[in-house]
């Protein structure tokens, strides 16, 4: 009986962990404005590359990049998923140097980035 109770508790804890999402505090952030402003975009890129200071939203992003990349963004909210797709499409299509720097840091073996490149290259984000 104790074993069954432990198994149920472990299962419930696992389901709770799977259901969690990243902090949605910055879901309303204007992605288009950040992408259109080269200085602002460079500041965010420098933040996540550990080459510059981070704003609170930059720190949040930086803290979740590896997990989101490896998990296919399973913990992302809808707005986060849409925003990430927009940002990646923009970087792939318009800021290839930044995209390559980010891939070198967060996916040096190119295990995940090819999926995004193939999927988002045609989107003019």
PDB file of N, CA and C in Angstrom:
ATOM      1  N   UNK A   1       0.823  -1.192   0.000  1.00  0.00           N
ATOM      2  CA  UNK A   1       0.000   0.000   0.000  1.00  0.00           C
ATOM      3  C   UNK A   1       0.871   1.261   0.000  1.00  0.00           C
ATOM      4  N   UNK A   2       1.942   1.256   0.823  1.00  0.00           N
ATOM      5  CA  UNK A   2       2.832   2.401   0.868  1.00  0.00           C
ATOM      6  C   UNK A   2       3.518   2.595  -0.481  1.00  0.00           C
ATOM      7  N   UNK A   3       3.879   1.493  -1.107  1.00  0.00           N
ATOM      8  CA  UNK A   3       4.533   1.558  -2.406  1.00  0.00           C
ATOM      9  C   UNK A   3       3.609   2.192  -3.444  1.00  0.00           C
ATOM     10  N   UNK A   4       2.339   1.835  -3.425  1.00  0.00           N
ATOM     11  CA  UNK A   4       1.367   2.403  -4.344  1.00  0.00           C
ATOM     12  C   UNK A   4       1.218   3.903  -4.102  1.00  0.00           C
ATOM     13  N   UNK A   5       1.154   4.300  -2.850  1.00  0.00           N
ATOM     14  CA  UNK A   5       1.030   5.711  -2.507  1.00  0.00           C
ATOM     15  C   UNK A   5       2.251   6.494  -2.997  1.00  0.00           C
ATOM     16  N   UNK A   6       3.424   5.936  -2.820  1.00  0.00           N
ATOM     17  CA  UNK A   6       4.651   6.595  -3.288  1.00  0.00           C
ATOM     18  C   UNK A   6       4.636   6.727  -4.812  1.00  0.00           C
ATOM     19  N   UNK A   7       4.215   5.676  -5.491  1.00  0.00           N
ATOM     20  CA  UNK A   7       4.150   5.706  -6.955  1.00  0.00           C
ATOM     21  C   UNK A   7       3.176   6.779  -7.435  1.00  0.00           C
ATOM     22  N   UNK A   8       2.027   6.888  -6.784  1.00  0.00           N
ATOM     23  CA  UNK A   8       1.038   7.903  -7.151  1.00  0.00           C
ATOM     24  C   UNK A   8       1.603   9.302  -6.914  1.00  0.00           C
ATOM     25  N   UNK A   9       2.269   9.507  -5.800  1.00  0.00           N
ATOM     26  CA  UNK A   9       2.843  10.816  -5.503  1.00  0.00           C
ATOM     27  C   UNK A   9       3.926  11.195  -6.513  1.00  0.00           C
ATOM     28  N   UNK A  10       4.761  10.247  -6.880  1.00  0.00           N
ATOM     29  CA  UNK A  10       5.800  10.511  -7.882  1.00  0.00           C
ATOM     30  C   UNK A  10       5.161  10.854  -9.222  1.00  0.00           C
ATOM     31  N   UNK A  11       4.132  10.124  -9.599  1.00  0.00           N
ATOM     32  CA  UNK A  11       3.434  10.390 -10.857  1.00  0.00           C
ATOM     33  C   UNK A  11       2.810  11.782 -10.848  1.00  0.00           C
ATOM     34  N   UNK A  12       2.158  12.136  -9.758  1.00  0.00           N
ATOM     35  CA  UNK A  12       1.540  13.461  -9.653  1.00  0.00           C
ATOM     36  C   UNK A  12       2.587  14.567  -9.707  1.00  0.00           C
ATOM     37  N   UNK A  13       3.701  14.356  -9.037  1.00  0.00           N
ATOM     38  CA  UNK A  13       4.777  15.350  -9.071  1.00  0.00           C
ATOM     39  C   UNK A  13       5.325  15.498 -10.487  1.00  0.00           C
ATOM     40  N   UNK A  14       5.459  14.401 -11.202  1.00  0.00           N
ATOM     41  CA  UNK A  14       5.949  14.442 -12.583  1.00  0.00           C
ATOM     42  C   UNK A  14       4.967  15.191 -13.479  1.00  0.00           C
ATOM     43  N   UNK A  15       3.690  14.926 -13.326  1.00  0.00           N
ATOM     44  CA  UNK A  15       2.678  15.606 -14.133  1.00  0.00           C
ATOM     45  C   UNK A  15       2.666  17.096 -13.842  1.00  0.00           C
ATOM     46  N   UNK A  16       2.832  17.450 -12.578  1.00  0.00           N
ATOM     47  CA  UNK A  16       2.868  18.862 -12.210  1.00  0.00           C
ATOM     48  C   UNK A  16       4.061  19.546 -12.876  1.00  0.00           C
ATOM     49  N   UNK A  17       5.222  18.887 -12.861  1.00  0.00           N
ATOM     50  CA  UNK A  17       6.418  19.439 -13.476  1.00  0.00           C
ATOM     51  C   UNK A  17       6.214  19.609 -14.972  1.00  0.00           C
ATOM     52  N   UNK A  18       5.602  18.646 -15.623  1.00  0.00           N
ATOM     53  CA  UNK A  18       5.373  18.722 -17.057  1.00  0.00           C
ATOM     54  C   UNK A  18       4.400  19.836 -17.418  1.00  0.00           C
ATOM     55  N   UNK A  19       3.465  20.127 -16.535  1.00  0.00           N
ATOM     56  CA  UNK A  19       2.442  21.127 -16.825  1.00  0.00           C
ATOM     57  C   UNK A  19       2.947  22.550 -16.616  1.00  0.00           C
ATOM     58  N   UNK A  20       4.079  22.723 -15.939  1.00  0.00           N
ATOM     59  CA  UNK A  20       4.594  24.054 -15.663  1.00  0.00           C
ATOM     60  C   UNK A  20       4.979  24.767 -16.958  1.00  0.00           C
ATOM     61  N   UNK A  21       4.832  26.069 -16.930  1.00  0.00           N
ATOM     62  CA  UNK A  21       5.268  26.889 -18.064  1.00  0.00           C
ATOM     63  C   UNK A  21       6.274  27.915 -17.553  1.00  0.00           C
ATOM     64  N   UNK A  22       6.983  28.485 -18.490  1.00  0.00           N
ATOM     65  CA  UNK A  22       7.902  29.555 -18.124  1.00  0.00           C
ATOM     66  C   UNK A  22       7.096  30.749 -17.639  1.00  0.00           C
ATOM     67  N   UNK A  23       7.743  31.620 -16.905  1.00  0.00           N
ATOM     68  CA  UNK A  23       7.122  32.831 -16.386  1.00  0.00           C
ATOM     69  C   UNK A  23       6.504  33.617 -17.546  1.00  0.00           C
ATOM     70  N   UNK A  24       5.245  33.995 -17.413  1.00  0.00           N
ATOM     71  CA  UNK A  24       4.568  34.713 -18.493  1.00  0.00           C
ATOM     72  C   UNK A  24       4.584  36.234 -18.293  1.00  0.00           C
ATOM     73  N   UNK A  25       5.396  36.697 -17.381  1.00  0.00           N
ATOM     74  CA  UNK A  25       5.459  38.116 -17.040  1.00  0.00           C
ATOM     75  C   UNK A  25       5.765  38.999 -18.258  1.00  0.00           C
ATOM     76  N   UNK A  26       6.558  38.501 -19.202  1.00  0.00           N
ATOM     77  CA  UNK A  26       6.968  39.309 -20.347  1.00  0.00           C
ATOM     78  C   UNK A  26       6.266  38.900 -21.639  1.00  0.00           C
ATOM     79  N   UNK A  27       5.180  38.170 -21.541  1.00  0.00           N
ATOM     80  CA  UNK A  27       4.466  37.721 -22.735  1.00  0.00           C
ATOM     81  C   UNK A  27       3.935  38.875 -23.577  1.00  0.00           C
ATOM     82  N   UNK A  28       3.699  40.028 -22.978  1.00  0.00           N
ATOM     83  CA  UNK A  28       3.172  41.170 -23.704  1.00  0.00           C
ATOM     84  C   UNK A  28       4.252  42.046 -24.337  1.00  0.00           C
ATOM     85  N   UNK A  29       5.494  41.628 -24.231  1.00  0.00           N
ATOM     86  CA  UNK A  29       6.601  42.407 -24.781  1.00  0.00           C
ATOM     87  C   UNK A  29       6.430  42.581 -26.291  1.00  0.00           C
ATOM     88  N   UNK A  30       6.752  43.766 -26.788  1.00  0.00           N
ATOM     89  CA  UNK A  30       6.615  44.058 -28.208  1.00  0.00           C
ATOM     90  C   UNK A  30       7.838  43.525 -28.967  1.00  0.00           C
ATOM     91  N   UNK A  31       7.719  42.336 -29.507  1.00  0.00           N
ATOM     92  CA  UNK A  31       8.807  41.668 -30.217  1.00  0.00           C
ATOM     93  C   UNK A  31       9.185  42.453 -31.477  1.00  0.00           C
ATOM     94  N   UNK A  32       8.191  42.938 -32.207  1.00  0.00           N
ATOM     95  CA  UNK A  32       8.467  43.673 -33.447  1.00  0.00           C
ATOM     96  C   UNK A  32       9.325  44.909 -33.183  1.00  0.00           C
ATOM     97  N   UNK A  33       9.038  45.591 -32.092  1.00  0.00           N
ATOM     98  CA  UNK A  33       9.809  46.783 -31.740  1.00  0.00           C
ATOM     99  C   UNK A  33      11.262  46.415 -31.438  1.00  0.00           C
ATOM    100  N   UNK A  34      11.478  45.340 -30.712  1.00  0.00           N
ATOM    101  CA  UNK A  34      12.836  44.904 -30.390  1.00  0.00           C
ATOM    102  C   UNK A  34      13.597  44.492 -31.648  1.00  0.00           C
ATOM    103  N   UNK A  35      12.922  43.807 -32.563  1.00  0.00           N
ATOM    104  CA  UNK A  35      13.580  43.357 -33.795  1.00  0.00           C
ATOM    105  C   UNK A  35      13.884  44.524 -34.729  1.00  0.00           C
ATOM    106  N   UNK A  36      13.059  45.550 -34.715  1.00  0.00           N
ATOM    107  CA  UNK A  36      13.244  46.697 -35.599  1.00  0.00           C
ATOM    108  C   UNK A  36      14.327  47.653 -35.100  1.00  0.00           C
ATOM    109  N   UNK A  37      14.647  47.579 -33.827  1.00  0.00           N
ATOM    110  CA  UNK A  37      15.630  48.471 -33.225  1.00  0.00           C
ATOM    111  C   UNK A  37      16.965  47.724 -33.111  1.00  0.00           C
ATOM    112  N   UNK A  38      17.884  48.013 -34.025  1.00  0.00           N
ATOM    113  CA  UNK A  38      19.173  47.293 -34.070  1.00  0.00           C
ATOM    114  C   UNK A  38      19.931  47.388 -32.750  1.00  0.00           C
ATOM    115  N   UNK A  39      19.899  48.556 -32.130  1.00  0.00           N
ATOM    116  CA  UNK A  39      20.621  48.742 -30.872  1.00  0.00           C
ATOM    117  C   UNK A  39      20.026  47.877 -29.760  1.00  0.00           C
ATOM    118  N   UNK A  40      18.711  47.827 -29.691  1.00  0.00           N
ATOM    119  CA  UNK A  40      18.027  47.017 -28.693  1.00  0.00           C
ATOM    120  C   UNK A  40      18.242  45.527 -28.959  1.00  0.00           C
ATOM    121  N   UNK A  41      18.131  45.128 -30.216  1.00  0.00           N
ATOM    122  CA  UNK A  41      18.360  43.728 -30.581  1.00  0.00           C
ATOM    123  C   UNK A  41      19.780  43.308 -30.210  1.00  0.00           C
ATOM    124  N   UNK A  42      20.750  44.155 -30.520  1.00  0.00           N
ATOM    125  CA  UNK A  42      22.146  43.836 -30.193  1.00  0.00           C
ATOM    126  C   UNK A  42      22.333  43.702 -28.682  1.00  0.00           C
ATOM    127  N   UNK A  43      21.660  44.539 -27.913  1.00  0.00           N
ATOM    128  CA  UNK A  43      21.759  44.461 -26.452  1.00  0.00           C
ATOM    129  C   UNK A  43      21.217  43.126 -25.938  1.00  0.00           C
ATOM    130  N   UNK A  44      20.083  42.675 -26.485  1.00  0.00           N
ATOM    131  CA  UNK A  44      19.537  41.374 -26.080  1.00  0.00           C
ATOM    132  C   UNK A  44      20.469  40.237 -26.494  1.00  0.00           C
ATOM    133  N   UNK A  45      21.005  40.320 -27.706  1.00  0.00           N
ATOM    134  CA  UNK A  45      21.923  39.289 -28.182  1.00  0.00           C
ATOM    135  C   UNK A  45      23.160  39.241 -27.286  1.00  0.00           C
ATOM    136  N   UNK A  46      23.726  40.410 -26.974  1.00  0.00           N
ATOM    137  CA  UNK A  46      24.894  40.455 -26.103  1.00  0.00           C
ATOM    138  C   UNK A  46      24.587  39.873 -24.730  1.00  0.00           C
ATOM    139  N   UNK A  47      23.397  40.126 -24.230  1.00  0.00           N
ATOM    140  CA  UNK A  47      22.987  39.563 -22.942  1.00  0.00           C
ATOM    141  C   UNK A  47      23.036  38.045 -22.976  1.00  0.00           C
ATOM    142  N   UNK A  48      22.360  37.451 -23.933  1.00  0.00           N
ATOM    143  CA  UNK A  48      22.279  35.985 -23.951  1.00  0.00           C
ATOM    144  C   UNK A  48      23.605  35.327 -24.349  1.00  0.00           C
ATOM    145  N   UNK A  49      24.510  36.106 -24.949  1.00  0.00           N
ATOM    146  CA  UNK A  49      25.835  35.586 -25.284  1.00  0.00           C
ATOM    147  C   UNK A  49      26.852  35.860 -24.176  1.00  0.00           C
ATOM    148  N   UNK A  50      26.391  36.395 -23.045  1.00  0.00           N
ATOM    149  CA  UNK A  50      27.265  36.767 -21.929  1.00  0.00           C
ATOM    150  C   UNK A  50      28.304  37.801 -22.340  1.00  0.00           C
ATOM    151  N   UNK A  51      27.917  38.688 -23.242  1.00  0.00           N
ATOM    152  CA  UNK A  51      28.828  39.719 -23.738  1.00  0.00           C
ATOM    153  C   UNK A  51      28.355  41.121 -23.360  1.00  0.00           C
ATOM    154  N   UNK A  52      27.330  41.202 -22.526  1.00  0.00           N
ATOM    155  CA  UNK A  52      26.805  42.505 -22.131  1.00  0.00           C
ATOM    156  C   UNK A  52      25.844  42.368 -20.969  1.00  0.00           C
ATOM    157  N   UNK A  53      25.390  43.512 -20.495  1.00  0.00           N
ATOM    158  CA  UNK A  53      24.435  43.539 -19.382  1.00  0.00           C
ATOM    159  C   UNK A  53      23.080  43.022 -19.840  1.00  0.00           C
ATOM    160  N   UNK A  54      22.317  42.540 -18.869  1.00  0.00           N
ATOM    161  CA  UNK A  54      20.992  41.991 -19.156  1.00  0.00           C
ATOM    162  C   UNK A  54      19.904  42.798 -18.450  1.00  0.00           C
ATOM    163  N   UNK A  55      18.826  43.034 -19.160  1.00  0.00           N
ATOM    164  CA  UNK A  55      17.614  43.575 -18.558  1.00  0.00           C
ATOM    165  C   UNK A  55      16.931  42.406 -17.842  1.00  0.00           C
ATOM    166  N   UNK A  56      15.923  42.682 -17.018  1.00  0.00           N
ATOM    167  CA  UNK A  56      15.219  41.568 -16.370  1.00  0.00           C
ATOM    168  C   UNK A  56      14.632  40.574 -17.377  1.00  0.00           C
ATOM    169  N   UNK A  57      14.047  41.072 -18.476  1.00  0.00           N
ATOM    170  CA  UNK A  57      13.493  40.146 -19.470  1.00  0.00           C
ATOM    171  C   UNK A  57      14.603  39.394 -20.202  1.00  0.00           C
ATOM    172  N   UNK A  58      15.752  40.033 -20.380  1.00  0.00           N
ATOM    173  CA  UNK A  58      16.899  39.353 -20.983  1.00  0.00           C
ATOM    174  C   UNK A  58      17.406  38.221 -20.101  1.00  0.00           C
ATOM    175  N   UNK A  59      17.450  38.469 -18.794  1.00  0.00           N
ATOM    176  CA  UNK A  59      17.860  37.419 -17.848  1.00  0.00           C
ATOM    177  C   UNK A  59      16.894  36.240 -17.889  1.00  0.00           C
ATOM    178  N   UNK A  60      15.610  36.548 -17.959  1.00  0.00           N
ATOM    179  CA  UNK A  60      14.587  35.497 -18.021  1.00  0.00           C
ATOM    180  C   UNK A  60      14.773  34.656 -19.284  1.00  0.00           C
ATOM    181  N   UNK A  61      14.957  35.320 -20.401  1.00  0.00           N
ATOM    182  CA  UNK A  61      15.178  34.638 -21.669  1.00  0.00           C
ATOM    183  C   UNK A  61      16.427  33.769 -21.604  1.00  0.00           C
ATOM    184  N   UNK A  62      17.501  34.345 -21.161  1.00  0.00           N
ATOM    185  CA  UNK A  62      18.782  33.644 -21.079  1.00  0.00           C
ATOM    186  C   UNK A  62      18.693  32.399 -20.197  1.00  0.00           C
ATOM    187  N   UNK A  63      17.933  32.507 -19.130  1.00  0.00           N
ATOM    188  CA  UNK A  63      17.794  31.381 -18.213  1.00  0.00           C
ATOM    189  C   UNK A  63      16.992  30.215 -18.774  1.00  0.00           C
ATOM    190  N   UNK A  64      16.221  30.460 -19.829  1.00  0.00           N
ATOM    191  CA  UNK A  64      15.348  29.413 -20.373  1.00  0.00           C
ATOM    192  C   UNK A  64      15.750  28.908 -21.756  1.00  0.00           C
ATOM    193  N   UNK A  65      16.728  29.530 -22.379  1.00  0.00           N
ATOM    194  CA  UNK A  65      17.065  29.181 -23.760  1.00  0.00           C
ATOM    195  C   UNK A  65      17.415  27.705 -23.922  1.00  0.00           C
ATOM    196  N   UNK A  66      18.333  27.210 -23.135  1.00  0.00           N
ATOM    197  CA  UNK A  66      18.785  25.817 -23.310  1.00  0.00           C
ATOM    198  C   UNK A  66      17.636  24.829 -23.132  1.00  0.00           C
ATOM    199  N   UNK A  67      16.859  25.025 -22.080  1.00  0.00           N
ATOM    200  CA  UNK A  67      15.746  24.112 -21.819  1.00  0.00           C
ATOM    201  C   UNK A  67      14.709  24.175 -22.939  1.00  0.00           C
ATOM    202  N   UNK A  68      14.371  25.377 -23.377  1.00  0.00           N
ATOM    203  CA  UNK A  68      13.373  25.536 -24.443  1.00  0.00           C
ATOM    204  C   UNK A  68      13.861  24.913 -25.747  1.00  0.00           C
ATOM    205  N   UNK A  69      15.118  25.100 -26.054  1.00  0.00           N
ATOM    206  CA  UNK A  69      15.687  24.541 -27.273  1.00  0.00           C
ATOM    207  C   UNK A  69      15.651  23.014 -27.247  1.00  0.00           C
ATOM    208  N   UNK A  70      16.065  22.451 -26.141  1.00  0.00           N
ATOM    209  CA  UNK A  70      16.137  20.995 -26.026  1.00  0.00           C
ATOM    210  C   UNK A  70      14.766  20.338 -25.921  1.00  0.00           C
ATOM    211  N   UNK A  71      13.806  21.033 -25.344  1.00  0.00           N
ATOM    212  CA  UNK A  71      12.487  20.431 -25.141  1.00  0.00           C
ATOM    213  C   UNK A  71      11.491  20.762 -26.248  1.00  0.00           C
ATOM    214  N   UNK A  72      11.908  21.543 -27.223  1.00  0.00           N
ATOM    215  CA  UNK A  72      10.962  21.974 -28.253  1.00  0.00           C
ATOM    216  C   UNK A  72       9.985  22.999 -27.709  1.00  0.00           C
ATOM    217  N   UNK A  73      10.402  23.719 -26.687  1.00  0.00           N
ATOM    218  CA  UNK A  73       9.611  24.804 -26.087  1.00  0.00           C
ATOM    219  C   UNK A  73       8.324  24.275 -25.440  1.00  0.00           C
ATOM    220  N   UNK A  74       8.401  23.102 -24.871  1.00  0.00           N
ATOM    221  CA  UNK A  74       7.220  22.477 -24.280  1.00  0.00           C
ATOM    222  C   UNK A  74       6.652  23.296 -23.109  1.00  0.00           C
ATOM    223  N   UNK A  75       7.493  24.057 -22.423  1.00  0.00           N
ATOM    224  CA  UNK A  75       7.033  24.860 -21.291  1.00  0.00           C
ATOM    225  C   UNK A  75       6.663  26.285 -21.695  1.00  0.00           C
ATOM    226  N   UNK A  76       6.761  26.594 -22.971  1.00  0.00           N
ATOM    227  CA  UNK A  76       6.446  27.947 -23.447  1.00  0.00           C
ATOM    228  C   UNK A  76       4.941  28.168 -23.463  1.00  0.00           C
ATOM    229  N   UNK A  77       4.553  29.399 -23.160  1.00  0.00           N
ATOM    230  CA  UNK A  77       3.158  29.790 -23.331  1.00  0.00           C
ATOM    231  C   UNK A  77       2.939  30.048 -24.822  1.00  0.00           C
ATOM    232  N   UNK A  78       1.708  30.196 -25.237  1.00  0.00           N
ATOM    233  CA  UNK A  78       1.407  30.480 -26.642  1.00  0.00           C
ATOM    234  C   UNK A  78       2.119  31.725 -27.159  1.00  0.00           C
ATOM    235  N   UNK A  79       2.023  32.860 -26.438  1.00  0.00           N
ATOM    236  CA  UNK A  79       2.731  34.055 -26.890  1.00  0.00           C
ATOM    237  C   UNK A  79       4.252  33.877 -26.931  1.00  0.00           C
ATOM    238  N   UNK A  80       4.804  33.130 -25.999  1.00  0.00           N
ATOM    239  CA  UNK A  80       6.249  32.875 -26.010  1.00  0.00           C
ATOM    240  C   UNK A  80       6.636  32.065 -27.245  1.00  0.00           C
ATOM    241  N   UNK A  81       5.866  31.053 -27.543  1.00  0.00           N
ATOM    242  CA  UNK A  81       6.147  30.209 -28.708  1.00  0.00           C
ATOM    243  C   UNK A  81       6.092  31.035 -29.997  1.00  0.00           C
ATOM    244  N   UNK A  82       5.061  31.873 -30.121  1.00  0.00           N
ATOM    245  CA  UNK A  82       4.929  32.720 -31.312  1.00  0.00           C
ATOM    246  C   UNK A  82       6.081  33.729 -31.383  1.00  0.00           C
ATOM    247  N   UNK A  83       6.428  34.308 -30.261  1.00  0.00           N
ATOM    248  CA  UNK A  83       7.520  35.283 -30.225  1.00  0.00           C
ATOM    249  C   UNK A  83       8.857  34.658 -30.567  1.00  0.00           C
ATOM    250  N   UNK A  84       9.103  33.485 -30.057  1.00  0.00           N
ATOM    251  CA  UNK A  84      10.359  32.793 -30.344  1.00  0.00           C
ATOM    252  C   UNK A  84      10.466  32.459 -31.820  1.00  0.00           C
ATOM    253  N   UNK A  85       9.368  31.984 -32.393  1.00  0.00           N
ATOM    254  CA  UNK A  85       9.373  31.684 -33.837  1.00  0.00           C
ATOM    255  C   UNK A  85       9.680  32.945 -34.650  1.00  0.00           C
ATOM    256  N   UNK A  86       9.086  34.064 -34.242  1.00  0.00           N
ATOM    257  CA  UNK A  86       9.300  35.327 -34.952  1.00  0.00           C
ATOM    258  C   UNK A  86      10.759  35.766 -34.842  1.00  0.00           C
ATOM    259  N   UNK A  87      11.305  35.680 -33.640  1.00  0.00           N
ATOM    260  CA  UNK A  87      12.694  36.087 -33.414  1.00  0.00           C
ATOM    261  C   UNK A  87      13.652  35.188 -34.193  1.00  0.00           C
ATOM    262  N   UNK A  88      13.462  33.880 -34.096  1.00  0.00           N
ATOM    263  CA  UNK A  88      14.353  32.958 -34.809  1.00  0.00           C
ATOM    264  C   UNK A  88      14.260  33.179 -36.314  1.00  0.00           C
ATOM    265  N   UNK A  89      13.060  33.342 -36.838  1.00  0.00           N
ATOM    266  CA  UNK A  89      12.895  33.590 -38.278  1.00  0.00           C
ATOM    267  C   UNK A  89      13.622  34.877 -38.674  1.00  0.00           C
ATOM    268  N   UNK A  90      13.492  35.903 -37.855  1.00  0.00           N
ATOM    269  CA  UNK A  90      14.169  37.173 -38.151  1.00  0.00           C
ATOM    270  C   UNK A  90      15.685  36.981 -38.149  1.00  0.00           C
ATOM    271  N   UNK A  91      16.200  36.309 -37.143  1.00  0.00           N
ATOM    272  CA  UNK A  91      17.647  36.105 -37.056  1.00  0.00           C
ATOM    273  C   UNK A  91      18.165  35.270 -38.223  1.00  0.00           C
ATOM    274  N   UNK A  92      17.477  34.196 -38.542  1.00  0.00           N
ATOM    275  CA  UNK A  92      17.901  33.335 -39.647  1.00  0.00           C
ATOM    276  C   UNK A  92      17.902  34.094 -40.962  1.00  0.00           C
ATOM    277  N   UNK A  93      16.874  34.882 -41.192  1.00  0.00           N
ATOM    278  CA  UNK A  93      16.696  35.543 -42.481  1.00  0.00           C
ATOM    279  C   UNK A  93      17.358  36.918 -42.598  1.00  0.00           C
ATOM    280  N   UNK A  94      17.617  37.586 -41.451  1.00  0.00           N
ATOM    281  CA  UNK A  94      18.126  38.954 -41.532  1.00  0.00           C
ATOM    282  C   UNK A  94      19.375  39.219 -40.696  1.00  0.00           C
ATOM    283  N   UNK A  95      19.667  38.375 -39.762  1.00  0.00           N
ATOM    284  CA  UNK A  95      20.803  38.587 -38.848  1.00  0.00           C
ATOM    285  C   UNK A  95      21.561  37.267 -38.682  1.00  0.00           C
ATOM    286  N   UNK A  96      22.034  36.744 -39.784  1.00  0.00           N
ATOM    287  CA  UNK A  96      22.650  35.418 -39.777  1.00  0.00           C
ATOM    288  C   UNK A  96      23.864  35.337 -38.840  1.00  0.00           C
ATOM    289  N   UNK A  97      24.621  36.416 -38.749  1.00  0.00           N
ATOM    290  CA  UNK A  97      25.792  36.413 -37.863  1.00  0.00           C
ATOM    291  C   UNK A  97      25.361  36.201 -36.406  1.00  0.00           C
ATOM    292  N   UNK A  98      24.320  36.911 -35.976  1.00  0.00           N
ATOM    293  CA  UNK A  98      23.804  36.726 -34.615  1.00  0.00           C
ATOM    294  C   UNK A  98      23.268  35.308 -34.430  1.00  0.00           C
ATOM    295  N   UNK A  99      22.539  34.816 -35.416  1.00  0.00           N
ATOM    296  CA  UNK A  99      21.985  33.468 -35.332  1.00  0.00           C
ATOM    297  C   UNK A  99      23.114  32.450 -35.143  1.00  0.00           C
ATOM    298  N   UNK A 100      24.165  32.577 -35.928  1.00  0.00           N
ATOM    299  CA  UNK A 100      25.285  31.641 -35.839  1.00  0.00           C
ATOM    300  C   UNK A 100      25.992  31.718 -34.490  1.00  0.00           C
ATOM    301  N   UNK A 101      26.116  32.922 -33.934  1.00  0.00           N
ATOM    302  CA  UNK A 101      26.723  33.077 -32.613  1.00  0.00           C
ATOM    303  C   UNK A 101      25.876  32.393 -31.541  1.00  0.00           C
ATOM    304  N   UNK A 102      24.554  32.558 -31.641  1.00  0.00           N
ATOM    305  CA  UNK A 102      23.657  31.923 -30.670  1.00  0.00           C
ATOM    306  C   UNK A 102      23.690  30.401 -30.791  1.00  0.00           C
ATOM    307  N   UNK A 103      23.704  29.909 -32.016  1.00  0.00           N
ATOM    308  CA  UNK A 103      23.772  28.463 -32.231  1.00  0.00           C
ATOM    309  C   UNK A 103      25.097  27.924 -31.698  1.00  0.00           C
ATOM    310  N   UNK A 104      26.194  28.641 -31.958  1.00  0.00           N
ATOM    311  CA  UNK A 104      27.502  28.201 -31.454  1.00  0.00           C
ATOM    312  C   UNK A 104      27.498  28.073 -29.933  1.00  0.00           C
ATOM    313  N   UNK A 105      26.809  28.983 -29.268  1.00  0.00           N
ATOM    314  CA  UNK A 105      26.781  28.958 -27.801  1.00  0.00           C
ATOM    315  C   UNK A 105      25.798  27.921 -27.248  1.00  0.00           C
ATOM    316  N   UNK A 106      24.583  27.886 -27.792  1.00  0.00           N
ATOM    317  CA  UNK A 106      23.525  27.081 -27.190  1.00  0.00           C
ATOM    318  C   UNK A 106      23.290  25.730 -27.866  1.00  0.00           C
ATOM    319  N   UNK A 107      23.838  25.539 -29.046  1.00  0.00           N
ATOM    320  CA  UNK A 107      23.658  24.265 -29.752  1.00  0.00           C
ATOM    321  C   UNK A 107      24.898  23.966 -30.609  1.00  0.00           C
ATOM    322  N   UNK A 108      26.066  23.884 -29.965  1.00  0.00           N
ATOM    323  CA  UNK A 108      27.308  23.731 -30.727  1.00  0.00           C
ATOM    324  C   UNK A 108      27.365  22.457 -31.579  1.00  0.00           C
ATOM    325  N   UNK A 109      26.650  21.440 -31.199  1.00  0.00           N
ATOM    326  CA  UNK A 109      26.622  20.198 -31.982  1.00  0.00           C
ATOM    327  C   UNK A 109      25.535  20.215 -33.052  1.00  0.00           C
ATOM    328  N   UNK A 110      24.791  21.318 -33.120  1.00  0.00           N
ATOM    329  CA  UNK A 110      23.723  21.498 -34.117  1.00  0.00           C
ATOM    330  C   UNK A 110      22.654  20.396 -34.036  1.00  0.00           C
ATOM    331  N   UNK A 111      22.325  20.005 -32.816  1.00  0.00           N
ATOM    332  CA  UNK A 111      21.322  18.960 -32.615  1.00  0.00           C
ATOM    333  C   UNK A 111      19.901  19.476 -32.820  1.00  0.00           C
ATOM    334  N   UNK A 112      19.662  20.743 -32.516  1.00  0.00           N
ATOM    335  CA  UNK A 112      18.301  21.286 -32.525  1.00  0.00           C
ATOM    336  C   UNK A 112      18.105  22.402 -33.553  1.00  0.00           C
ATOM    337  N   UNK A 113      19.144  23.158 -33.805  1.00  0.00           N
ATOM    338  CA  UNK A 113      19.002  24.365 -34.625  1.00  0.00           C
ATOM    339  C   UNK A 113      18.620  24.081 -36.074  1.00  0.00           C
ATOM    340  N   UNK A 114      19.032  22.953 -36.626  1.00  0.00           N
ATOM    341  CA  UNK A 114      18.685  22.649 -38.018  1.00  0.00           C
ATOM    342  C   UNK A 114      17.174  22.559 -38.214  1.00  0.00           C
ATOM    343  N   UNK A 115      16.477  22.038 -37.209  1.00  0.00           N
ATOM    344  CA  UNK A 115      15.012  21.959 -37.296  1.00  0.00           C
ATOM    345  C   UNK A 115      14.426  23.356 -37.494  1.00  0.00           C
ATOM    346  N   UNK A 116      14.892  24.292 -36.687  1.00  0.00           N
ATOM    347  CA  UNK A 116      14.380  25.656 -36.771  1.00  0.00           C
ATOM    348  C   UNK A 116      14.796  26.321 -38.080  1.00  0.00           C
ATOM    349  N   UNK A 117      16.025  26.092 -38.486  1.00  0.00           N
ATOM    350  CA  UNK A 117      16.504  26.695 -39.731  1.00  0.00           C
ATOM    351  C   UNK A 117      15.666  26.236 -40.916  1.00  0.00           C
ATOM    352  N   UNK A 118      15.450  24.943 -41.012  1.00  0.00           N
ATOM    353  CA  UNK A 118      14.668  24.413 -42.130  1.00  0.00           C
ATOM    354  C   UNK A 118      13.227  24.906 -42.116  1.00  0.00           C
ATOM    355  N   UNK A 119      12.658  24.959 -40.934  1.00  0.00           N
ATOM    356  CA  UNK A 119      11.255  25.344 -40.796  1.00  0.00           C
ATOM    357  C   UNK A 119      11.023  26.834 -41.007  1.00  0.00           C
ATOM    358  N   UNK A 120      11.971  27.670 -40.559  1.00  0.00           N
ATOM    359  CA  UNK A 120      11.729  29.112 -40.510  1.00  0.00           C
ATOM    360  C   UNK A 120      12.462  29.923 -41.566  1.00  0.00           C
ATOM    361  N   UNK A 121      13.257  29.273 -42.385  1.00  0.00           N
ATOM    362  CA  UNK A 121      14.012  30.012 -43.403  1.00  0.00           C
ATOM    363  C   UNK A 121      13.088  30.728 -44.380  1.00  0.00           C
ATOM    364  N   UNK A 122      11.986  30.121 -44.703  1.00  0.00           N
ATOM    365  CA  UNK A 122      11.062  30.710 -45.684  1.00  0.00           C
ATOM    366  C   UNK A 122      10.235  31.847 -45.099  1.00  0.00           C
ATOM    367  N   UNK A 123      10.126  31.911 -43.787  1.00  0.00           N
ATOM    368  CA  UNK A 123       9.321  32.957 -43.145  1.00  0.00           C
ATOM    369  C   UNK A 123      10.139  34.225 -43.084  1.00  0.00           C
ATOM    370  N   UNK A 124       9.621  35.255 -43.631  1.00  0.00           N
ATOM    371  CA  UNK A 124      10.325  36.544 -43.618  1.00  0.00           C
ATOM    372  C   UNK A 124       9.894  37.318 -42.386  1.00  0.00           C
ATOM    373  N   UNK A 125      10.517  36.938 -41.224  1.00  0.00           N
ATOM    374  CA  UNK A 125      10.145  37.513 -39.933  1.00  0.00           C
ATOM    375  C   UNK A 125      10.797  38.771 -39.582  1.00  0.00           C
TER     376      UNK A 125
END
